[in-house]
PDB file of N, CA and C in Angstrom:
ATOM      1  N   UNK A   1     165.995 138.430  26.978  1.00  0.00           N
ATOM      2  CA  UNK A   1     167.163 137.575  26.957  1.00  0.00           C
ATOM      3  C   UNK A   1     168.382 138.384  27.396  1.00  0.00           C
ATOM      4  N   UNK A   2     169.166 137.817  28.259  1.00  0.00           N
ATOM      5  CA  UNK A   2     170.347 138.478  28.798  1.00  0.00           C
ATOM      6  C   UNK A   2     171.576 138.143  27.965  1.00  0.00           C
ATOM      7  N   UNK A   3     172.316 139.188  27.609  1.00  0.00           N
ATOM      8  CA  UNK A   3     173.535 138.971  26.816  1.00  0.00           C
ATOM      9  C   UNK A   3     174.661 138.524  27.738  1.00  0.00           C
ATOM     10  N   UNK A   4     175.516 137.677  27.197  1.00  0.00           N
ATOM     11  CA  UNK A   4     176.675 137.235  27.960  1.00  0.00           C
ATOM     12  C   UNK A   4     177.750 138.307  27.918  1.00  0.00           C
ATOM     13  N   UNK A   5     177.934 138.964  29.024  1.00  0.00           N
ATOM     14  CA  UNK A   5     178.973 139.987  29.130  1.00  0.00           C
ATOM     15  C   UNK A   5     180.135 139.418  29.909  1.00  0.00           C
ATOM     16  N   UNK A   6     181.359 139.802  29.531  1.00  0.00           N
ATOM     17  CA  UNK A   6     182.501 139.315  30.301  1.00  0.00           C
ATOM     18  C   UNK A   6     182.462 139.888  31.714  1.00  0.00           C
ATOM     19  N   UNK A   7     182.865 139.068  32.666  1.00  0.00           N
ATOM     20  CA  UNK A   7     182.882 139.487  34.063  1.00  0.00           C
ATOM     21  C   UNK A   7     184.085 140.399  34.295  1.00  0.00           C
ATOM     22  N   UNK A   8     183.872 141.563  34.939  1.00  0.00           N
ATOM     23  CA  UNK A   8     185.009 142.457  35.210  1.00  0.00           C
ATOM     24  C   UNK A   8     185.966 141.844  36.226  1.00  0.00           C
ATOM     25  N   UNK A   9     187.249 142.125  36.053  1.00  0.00           N
ATOM     26  CA  UNK A   9     188.271 141.641  36.981  1.00  0.00           C
ATOM     27  C   UNK A   9     188.309 142.483  38.244  1.00  0.00           C
ATOM     28  N   UNK A  10     187.747 143.690  38.179  1.00  0.00           N
ATOM     29  CA  UNK A  10     187.687 144.563  39.345  1.00  0.00           C
ATOM     30  C   UNK A  10     186.498 145.502  39.185  1.00  0.00           C
ATOM     31  N   UNK A  11     186.168 146.155  40.291  1.00  0.00           N
ATOM     32  CA  UNK A  11     185.082 147.133  40.261  1.00  0.00           C
ATOM     33  C   UNK A  11     185.679 148.513  40.476  1.00  0.00           C
ATOM     34  N   UNK A  12     185.213 149.463  39.707  1.00  0.00           N
ATOM     35  CA  UNK A  12     185.729 150.832  39.769  1.00  0.00           C
ATOM     36  C   UNK A  12     185.670 151.400  41.191  1.00  0.00           C
ATOM     37  N   UNK A  13     184.619 151.082  41.933  1.00  0.00           N
ATOM     38  CA  UNK A  13     184.453 151.617  43.287  1.00  0.00           C
ATOM     39  C   UNK A  13     185.510 151.087  44.262  1.00  0.00           C
ATOM     40  N   UNK A  14     186.196 150.011  43.910  1.00  0.00           N
ATOM     41  CA  UNK A  14     187.215 149.426  44.785  1.00  0.00           C
ATOM     42  C   UNK A  14     188.634 149.876  44.452  1.00  0.00           C
ATOM     43  N   UNK A  15     188.800 150.768  43.478  1.00  0.00           N
ATOM     44  CA  UNK A  15     190.139 151.163  43.054  1.00  0.00           C
ATOM     45  C   UNK A  15     190.706 152.293  43.906  1.00  0.00           C
ATOM     46  N   UNK A  16     191.994 152.155  44.213  1.00  0.00           N
ATOM     47  CA  UNK A  16     192.771 153.178  44.904  1.00  0.00           C
ATOM     48  C   UNK A  16     194.054 153.372  44.115  1.00  0.00           C
ATOM     49  N   UNK A  17     194.720 154.513  44.311  1.00  0.00           N
ATOM     50  CA  UNK A  17     195.917 154.811  43.522  1.00  0.00           C
ATOM     51  C   UNK A  17     196.972 155.494  44.362  1.00  0.00           C
ATOM     52  N   UNK A  18     198.227 155.249  44.020  1.00  0.00           N
ATOM     53  CA  UNK A  18     199.338 156.022  44.548  1.00  0.00           C
ATOM     54  C   UNK A  18     199.693 157.057  43.495  1.00  0.00           C
ATOM     55  N   UNK A  19     199.880 158.307  43.919  1.00  0.00           N
ATOM     56  CA  UNK A  19     200.272 159.378  43.001  1.00  0.00           C
ATOM     57  C   UNK A  19     201.445 160.140  43.600  1.00  0.00           C
ATOM     58  N   UNK A  20     202.141 160.860  42.731  1.00  0.00           N
ATOM     59  CA  UNK A  20     203.256 161.695  43.170  1.00  0.00           C
ATOM     60  C   UNK A  20     202.725 162.978  43.812  1.00  0.00           C
ATOM     61  N   UNK A  21     203.176 163.304  45.036  1.00  0.00           N
ATOM     62  CA  UNK A  21     202.817 164.583  45.648  1.00  0.00           C
ATOM     63  C   UNK A  21     203.846 165.640  45.276  1.00  0.00           C
ATOM     64  N   UNK A  22     203.757 166.812  45.886  1.00  0.00           N
ATOM     65  CA  UNK A  22     204.733 167.880  45.630  1.00  0.00           C
ATOM     66  C   UNK A  22     206.129 167.424  46.045  1.00  0.00           C
ATOM     67  N   UNK A  23     206.251 166.797  47.206  1.00  0.00           N
ATOM     68  CA  UNK A  23     207.531 166.279  47.685  1.00  0.00           C
ATOM     69  C   UNK A  23     207.660 164.837  47.210  1.00  0.00           C
ATOM     70  N   UNK A  24     208.485 164.597  46.208  1.00  0.00           N
ATOM     71  CA  UNK A  24     208.566 163.269  45.580  1.00  0.00           C
ATOM     72  C   UNK A  24     209.374 162.256  46.391  1.00  0.00           C
ATOM     73  N   UNK A  25     209.678 162.591  47.634  1.00  0.00           N
ATOM     74  CA  UNK A  25     210.275 161.594  48.537  1.00  0.00           C
ATOM     75  C   UNK A  25     209.183 160.709  49.133  1.00  0.00           C
ATOM     76  N   UNK A  26     207.937 161.056  48.879  1.00  0.00           N
ATOM     77  CA  UNK A  26     206.794 160.339  49.425  1.00  0.00           C
ATOM     78  C   UNK A  26     205.796 160.059  48.305  1.00  0.00           C
ATOM     79  N   UNK A  27     204.702 159.400  48.660  1.00  0.00           N
ATOM     80  CA  UNK A  27     203.614 159.170  47.711  1.00  0.00           C
ATOM     81  C   UNK A  27     202.302 159.473  48.418  1.00  0.00           C
ATOM     82  N   UNK A  28     201.292 159.816  47.666  1.00  0.00           N
ATOM     83  CA  UNK A  28     199.951 160.039  48.206  1.00  0.00           C
ATOM     84  C   UNK A  28     199.040 158.906  47.782  1.00  0.00           C
ATOM     85  N   UNK A  29     198.228 158.434  48.712  1.00  0.00           N
ATOM     86  CA  UNK A  29     197.223 157.429  48.416  1.00  0.00           C
ATOM     87  C   UNK A  29     195.896 158.150  48.219  1.00  0.00           C
ATOM     88  N   UNK A  30     195.237 157.876  47.101  1.00  0.00           N
ATOM     89  CA  UNK A  30     193.928 158.486  46.845  1.00  0.00           C
ATOM     90  C   UNK A  30     192.893 157.392  46.594  1.00  0.00           C
ATOM     91  N   UNK A  31     191.660 157.704  46.888  1.00  0.00           N
ATOM     92  CA  UNK A  31     190.551 156.809  46.571  1.00  0.00           C
ATOM     93  C   UNK A  31     190.161 157.083  45.127  1.00  0.00           C
ATOM     94  N   UNK A  32     190.063 156.033  44.332  1.00  0.00           N
ATOM     95  CA  UNK A  32     189.700 156.191  42.923  1.00  0.00           C
ATOM     96  C   UNK A  32     190.931 156.236  42.037  1.00  0.00           C
ATOM     97  N   UNK A  33     190.761 156.882  40.899  1.00  0.00           N
ATOM     98  CA  UNK A  33     191.849 156.954  39.929  1.00  0.00           C
ATOM     99  C   UNK A  33     192.224 158.412  39.683  1.00  0.00           C
ATOM    100  N   UNK A  34     193.498 158.679  39.379  1.00  0.00           N
ATOM    101  CA  UNK A  34     193.942 160.054  39.139  1.00  0.00           C
ATOM    102  C   UNK A  34     193.423 160.600  37.814  1.00  0.00           C
ATOM    103  N   UNK A  35     193.490 161.910  37.682  1.00  0.00           N
ATOM    104  CA  UNK A  35     193.114 162.552  36.423  1.00  0.00           C
ATOM    105  C   UNK A  35     194.012 162.040  35.305  1.00  0.00           C
ATOM    106  N   UNK A  36     193.427 161.849  34.146  1.00  0.00           N
ATOM    107  CA  UNK A  36     194.174 161.403  32.984  1.00  0.00           C
ATOM    108  C   UNK A  36     194.314 159.896  32.871  1.00  0.00           C
ATOM    109  N   UNK A  37     193.828 159.158  33.855  1.00  0.00           N
ATOM    110  CA  UNK A  37     193.915 157.693  33.843  1.00  0.00           C
ATOM    111  C   UNK A  37     192.574 157.125  33.394  1.00  0.00           C
ATOM    112  N   UNK A  38     192.636 156.177  32.465  1.00  0.00           N
ATOM    113  CA  UNK A  38     191.429 155.446  32.063  1.00  0.00           C
ATOM    114  C   UNK A  38     191.571 154.008  32.546  1.00  0.00           C
ATOM    115  N   UNK A  39     190.439 153.397  32.871  1.00  0.00           N
ATOM    116  CA  UNK A  39     190.434 152.049  33.431  1.00  0.00           C
ATOM    117  C   UNK A  39     189.550 151.145  32.590  1.00  0.00           C
ATOM    118  N   UNK A  40     190.028 149.937  32.338  1.00  0.00           N
ATOM    119  CA  UNK A  40     189.234 148.886  31.700  1.00  0.00           C
ATOM    120  C   UNK A  40     189.031 147.806  32.761  1.00  0.00           C
ATOM    121  N   UNK A  41     187.851 147.785  33.394  1.00  0.00           N
ATOM    122  CA  UNK A  41     187.625 146.850  34.491  1.00  0.00           C
ATOM    123  C   UNK A  41     187.522 145.400  34.020  1.00  0.00           C
ATOM    124  N   UNK A  42     187.093 145.192  32.784  1.00  0.00           N
ATOM    125  CA  UNK A  42     187.001 143.819  32.255  1.00  0.00           C
ATOM    126  C   UNK A  42     188.399 143.253  32.034  1.00  0.00           C
ATOM    127  N   UNK A  43     189.281 144.048  31.440  1.00  0.00           N
ATOM    128  CA  UNK A  43     190.653 143.593  31.194  1.00  0.00           C
ATOM    129  C   UNK A  43     191.511 143.690  32.455  1.00  0.00           C
ATOM    130  N   UNK A  44     191.081 144.509  33.428  1.00  0.00           N
ATOM    131  CA  UNK A  44     191.873 144.699  34.645  1.00  0.00           C
ATOM    132  C   UNK A  44     193.103 145.543  34.389  1.00  0.00           C
ATOM    133  N   UNK A  45     192.949 146.566  33.537  1.00  0.00           N
ATOM    134  CA  UNK A  45     194.089 147.413  33.174  1.00  0.00           C
ATOM    135  C   UNK A  45     193.761 148.887  33.385  1.00  0.00           C
ATOM    136  N   UNK A  46     194.829 149.692  33.441  1.00  0.00           N
ATOM    137  CA  UNK A  46     194.684 151.146  33.485  1.00  0.00           C
ATOM    138  C   UNK A  46     195.688 151.746  32.512  1.00  0.00           C
ATOM    139  N   UNK A  47     195.347 152.892  31.945  1.00  0.00           N
ATOM    140  CA  UNK A  47     196.176 153.525  30.923  1.00  0.00           C
ATOM    141  C   UNK A  47     196.417 154.980  31.285  1.00  0.00           C
ATOM    142  N   UNK A  48     197.669 155.418  31.098  1.00  0.00           N
ATOM    143  CA  UNK A  48     198.042 156.811  31.318  1.00  0.00           C
ATOM    144  C   UNK A  48     199.072 157.183  30.263  1.00  0.00           C
ATOM    145  N   UNK A  49     198.832 158.266  29.561  1.00  0.00           N
ATOM    146  CA  UNK A  49     199.721 158.780  28.514  1.00  0.00           C
ATOM    147  C   UNK A  49     200.109 157.694  27.511  1.00  0.00           C
ATOM    148  N   UNK A  50     199.124 156.906  27.090  1.00  0.00           N
ATOM    149  CA  UNK A  50     199.344 155.897  26.061  1.00  0.00           C
ATOM    150  C   UNK A  50     199.979 154.603  26.536  1.00  0.00           C
ATOM    151  N   UNK A  51     200.345 154.505  27.796  1.00  0.00           N
ATOM    152  CA  UNK A  51     200.941 153.285  28.347  1.00  0.00           C
ATOM    153  C   UNK A  51     199.896 152.548  29.174  1.00  0.00           C
ATOM    154  N   UNK A  52     199.774 151.246  28.955  1.00  0.00           N
ATOM    155  CA  UNK A  52     198.790 150.434  29.672  1.00  0.00           C
ATOM    156  C   UNK A  52     199.492 149.501  30.645  1.00  0.00           C
ATOM    157  N   UNK A  53     198.905 149.398  31.847  1.00  0.00           N
ATOM    158  CA  UNK A  53     199.452 148.577  32.934  1.00  0.00           C
ATOM    159  C   UNK A  53     198.328 147.726  33.510  1.00  0.00           C
ATOM    160  N   UNK A  54     198.680 146.576  34.096  1.00  0.00           N
ATOM    161  CA  UNK A  54     197.693 145.762  34.800  1.00  0.00           C
ATOM    162  C   UNK A  54     197.460 146.369  36.174  1.00  0.00           C
ATOM    163  N   UNK A  55     196.215 146.389  36.606  1.00  0.00           N
ATOM    164  CA  UNK A  55     195.886 146.881  37.938  1.00  0.00           C
ATOM    165  C   UNK A  55     196.536 145.959  38.970  1.00  0.00           C
ATOM    166  N   UNK A  56     197.264 146.565  39.921  1.00  0.00           N
ATOM    167  CA  UNK A  56     197.923 145.799  40.970  1.00  0.00           C
ATOM    168  C   UNK A  56     199.216 145.136  40.566  1.00  0.00           C
ATOM    169  N   UNK A  57     199.691 145.402  39.361  1.00  0.00           N
ATOM    170  CA  UNK A  57     200.906 144.772  38.833  1.00  0.00           C
ATOM    171  C   UNK A  57     202.153 145.451  39.386  1.00  0.00           C
ATOM    172  N   UNK A  58     203.265 144.722  39.512  1.00  0.00           N
ATOM    173  CA  UNK A  58     204.503 145.319  40.017  1.00  0.00           C
ATOM    174  C   UNK A  58     205.115 146.388  39.103  1.00  0.00           C
ATOM    175  N   UNK A  59     204.714 146.441  37.849  1.00  0.00           N
ATOM    176  CA  UNK A  59     205.279 147.467  36.957  1.00  0.00           C
ATOM    177  C   UNK A  59     204.689 148.825  37.296  1.00  0.00           C
ATOM    178  N   UNK A  60     205.567 149.764  37.638  1.00  0.00           N
ATOM    179  CA  UNK A  60     205.125 151.119  37.981  1.00  0.00           C
ATOM    180  C   UNK A  60     205.021 151.972  36.728  1.00  0.00           C
ATOM    181  N   UNK A  61     204.219 153.019  36.812  1.00  0.00           N
ATOM    182  CA  UNK A  61     204.031 153.929  35.694  1.00  0.00           C
ATOM    183  C   UNK A  61     205.354 154.603  35.333  1.00  0.00           C
ATOM    184  N   UNK A  62     205.637 154.703  34.053  1.00  0.00           N
ATOM    185  CA  UNK A  62     206.881 155.299  33.558  1.00  0.00           C
ATOM    186  C   UNK A  62     206.705 156.770  33.190  1.00  0.00           C
ATOM    187  N   UNK A  63     205.793 157.455  33.860  1.00  0.00           N
ATOM    188  CA  UNK A  63     205.433 158.817  33.458  1.00  0.00           C
ATOM    189  C   UNK A  63     206.298 159.893  34.106  1.00  0.00           C
ATOM    190  N   UNK A  64     207.116 159.572  35.045  1.00  0.00           N
ATOM    191  CA  UNK A  64     207.929 160.572  35.720  1.00  0.00           C
ATOM    192  C   UNK A  64     207.281 161.050  36.998  1.00  0.00           C
ATOM    193  N   UNK A  65     208.109 161.551  37.908  1.00  0.00           N
ATOM    194  CA  UNK A  65     207.614 161.947  39.226  1.00  0.00           C
ATOM    195  C   UNK A  65     207.118 163.394  39.229  1.00  0.00           C
ATOM    196  N   UNK A  66     206.040 163.618  38.501  1.00  0.00           N
ATOM    197  CA  UNK A  66     205.400 164.926  38.398  1.00  0.00           C
ATOM    198  C   UNK A  66     204.155 164.905  39.286  1.00  0.00           C
ATOM    199  N   UNK A  67     203.969 165.950  40.076  1.00  0.00           N
ATOM    200  CA  UNK A  67     202.851 166.019  41.019  1.00  0.00           C
ATOM    201  C   UNK A  67     201.532 165.622  40.360  1.00  0.00           C
ATOM    202  N   UNK A  68     200.852 164.660  40.981  1.00  0.00           N
ATOM    203  CA  UNK A  68     199.556 164.190  40.488  1.00  0.00           C
ATOM    204  C   UNK A  68     199.630 163.012  39.537  1.00  0.00           C
ATOM    205  N   UNK A  69     200.803 162.745  38.963  1.00  0.00           N
ATOM    206  CA  UNK A  69     200.925 161.591  38.064  1.00  0.00           C
ATOM    207  C   UNK A  69     200.819 160.294  38.869  1.00  0.00           C
ATOM    208  N   UNK A  70     200.261 159.250  38.266  1.00  0.00           N
ATOM    209  CA  UNK A  70     200.089 157.990  38.977  1.00  0.00           C
ATOM    210  C   UNK A  70     201.395 157.202  39.099  1.00  0.00           C
ATOM    211  N   UNK A  71     201.487 156.462  40.180  1.00  0.00           N
ATOM    212  CA  UNK A  71     202.565 155.485  40.368  1.00  0.00           C
ATOM    213  C   UNK A  71     201.997 154.101  40.090  1.00  0.00           C
ATOM    214  N   UNK A  72     200.788 153.858  40.603  1.00  0.00           N
ATOM    215  CA  UNK A  72     200.117 152.586  40.395  1.00  0.00           C
ATOM    216  C   UNK A  72     198.653 152.676  40.768  1.00  0.00           C
ATOM    217  N   UNK A  73     197.870 151.723  40.264  1.00  0.00           N
ATOM    218  CA  UNK A  73     196.447 151.613  40.566  1.00  0.00           C
ATOM    219  C   UNK A  73     196.213 150.210  41.114  1.00  0.00           C
ATOM    220  N   UNK A  74     195.400 150.098  42.172  1.00  0.00           N
ATOM    221  CA  UNK A  74     195.232 148.840  42.900  1.00  0.00           C
ATOM    222  C   UNK A  74     193.775 148.624  43.267  1.00  0.00           C
ATOM    223  N   UNK A  75     193.389 147.362  43.405  1.00  0.00           N
ATOM    224  CA  UNK A  75     192.059 147.001  43.894  1.00  0.00           C
ATOM    225  C   UNK A  75     192.187 146.769  45.389  1.00  0.00           C
ATOM    226  N   UNK A  76     191.523 147.599  46.185  1.00  0.00           N
ATOM    227  CA  UNK A  76     191.667 147.542  47.635  1.00  0.00           C
ATOM    228  C   UNK A  76     191.063 146.292  48.258  1.00  0.00           C
ATOM    229  N   UNK A  77     190.332 145.491  47.480  1.00  0.00           N
ATOM    230  CA  UNK A  77     189.741 144.256  48.010  1.00  0.00           C
ATOM    231  C   UNK A  77     190.642 143.043  47.801  1.00  0.00           C
ATOM    232  N   UNK A  78     191.789 143.239  47.179  1.00  0.00           N
ATOM    233  CA  UNK A  78     192.693 142.114  46.888  1.00  0.00           C
ATOM    234  C   UNK A  78     194.008 142.307  47.637  1.00  0.00           C
ATOM    235  N   UNK A  79     194.315 141.367  48.518  1.00  0.00           N
ATOM    236  CA  UNK A  79     195.496 141.487  49.374  1.00  0.00           C
ATOM    237  C   UNK A  79     196.785 141.573  48.559  1.00  0.00           C
ATOM    238  N   UNK A  80     196.849 140.872  47.433  1.00  0.00           N
ATOM    239  CA  UNK A  80     198.036 140.931  46.574  1.00  0.00           C
ATOM    240  C   UNK A  80     198.252 142.367  46.072  1.00  0.00           C
ATOM    241  N   UNK A  81     197.182 143.048  45.728  1.00  0.00           N
ATOM    242  CA  UNK A  81     197.283 144.437  45.264  1.00  0.00           C
ATOM    243  C   UNK A  81     197.728 145.356  46.398  1.00  0.00           C
ATOM    244  N   UNK A  82     197.205 145.118  47.611  1.00  0.00           N
ATOM    245  CA  UNK A  82     197.599 145.943  48.754  1.00  0.00           C
ATOM    246  C   UNK A  82     199.070 145.733  49.106  1.00  0.00           C
ATOM    247  N   UNK A  83     199.532 144.513  48.993  1.00  0.00           N
ATOM    248  CA  UNK A  83     200.962 144.246  49.224  1.00  0.00           C
ATOM    249  C   UNK A  83     201.822 144.961  48.185  1.00  0.00           C
ATOM    250  N   UNK A  84     201.369 144.962  46.934  1.00  0.00           N
ATOM    251  CA  UNK A  84     202.116 145.658  45.880  1.00  0.00           C
ATOM    252  C   UNK A  84     202.110 147.168  46.118  1.00  0.00           C
ATOM    253  N   UNK A  85     200.981 147.702  46.565  1.00  0.00           N
ATOM    254  CA  UNK A  85     200.904 149.130  46.874  1.00  0.00           C
ATOM    255  C   UNK A  85     201.904 149.482  47.979  1.00  0.00           C
ATOM    256  N   UNK A  86     201.990 148.649  48.999  1.00  0.00           N
ATOM    257  CA  UNK A  86     202.949 148.857  50.090  1.00  0.00           C
ATOM    258  C   UNK A  86     204.376 148.851  49.548  1.00  0.00           C
ATOM    259  N   UNK A  87     204.686 147.894  48.686  1.00  0.00           N
ATOM    260  CA  UNK A  87     206.028 147.828  48.085  1.00  0.00           C
ATOM    261  C   UNK A  87     206.313 149.067  47.239  1.00  0.00           C
ATOM    262  N   UNK A  88     205.334 149.537  46.483  1.00  0.00           N
ATOM    263  CA  UNK A  88     205.525 150.726  45.651  1.00  0.00           C
ATOM    264  C   UNK A  88     205.740 151.971  46.509  1.00  0.00           C
ATOM    265  N   UNK A  89     204.986 152.098  47.600  1.00  0.00           N
ATOM    266  CA  UNK A  89     205.163 153.237  48.511  1.00  0.00           C
ATOM    267  C   UNK A  89     206.542 153.188  49.160  1.00  0.00           C
ATOM    268  N   UNK A  90     206.995 152.011  49.510  1.00  0.00           N
ATOM    269  CA  UNK A  90     208.328 151.851  50.106  1.00  0.00           C
ATOM    270  C   UNK A  90     209.417 152.170  49.073  1.00  0.00           C
ATOM    271  N   UNK A  91     209.210 151.769  47.816  1.00  0.00           N
ATOM    272  CA  UNK A  91     210.159 152.085  46.750  1.00  0.00           C
ATOM    273  C   UNK A  91     210.319 153.590  46.607  1.00  0.00           C
ATOM    274  N   UNK A  92     209.200 154.318  46.632  1.00  0.00           N
ATOM    275  CA  UNK A  92     209.267 155.787  46.538  1.00  0.00           C
ATOM    276  C   UNK A  92     210.105 156.339  47.670  1.00  0.00           C
ATOM    277  N   UNK A  93     209.855 155.876  48.870  1.00  0.00           N
ATOM    278  CA  UNK A  93     210.524 156.399  50.059  1.00  0.00           C
ATOM    279  C   UNK A  93     212.026 156.120  50.042  1.00  0.00           C
ATOM    280  N   UNK A  94     212.445 154.993  49.485  1.00  0.00           N
ATOM    281  CA  UNK A  94     213.851 154.580  49.567  1.00  0.00           C
ATOM    282  C   UNK A  94     214.619 154.742  48.263  1.00  0.00           C
ATOM    283  N   UNK A  95     214.023 155.253  47.208  1.00  0.00           N
ATOM    284  CA  UNK A  95     214.683 155.237  45.899  1.00  0.00           C
ATOM    285  C   UNK A  95     215.909 156.111  45.795  1.00  0.00           C
ATOM    286  N   UNK A  96     216.095 157.090  46.686  1.00  0.00           N
ATOM    287  CA  UNK A  96     217.280 157.951  46.631  1.00  0.00           C
ATOM    288  C   UNK A  96     218.337 157.594  47.679  1.00  0.00           C
ATOM    289  N   UNK A  97     218.077 156.543  48.475  1.00  0.00           N
ATOM    290  CA  UNK A  97     219.052 156.206  49.520  1.00  0.00           C
ATOM    291  C   UNK A  97     220.172 155.347  49.011  1.00  0.00           C
TER     292      UNK A  97
END
């Protein structure tokens, strides 16, 4: 007999992340999730330093612009998430202008 498991909102293999590089005028895109980040695929959330965010959500991580820290986590198969990633990368680039 098969147990009823909740369907995940995303798959771990489809996750990409923006992180802070050495030069914080830019952002780095990585495949997967950064160190220190945990993901709940059923809830569609990610957690870093005790703060939980929705994957692909407009709220950026409040962890500070320290090299390697996450800015956001996105599902690369969802256009809404890719648009948000683009907006977050643009925010990084223009935040001091």
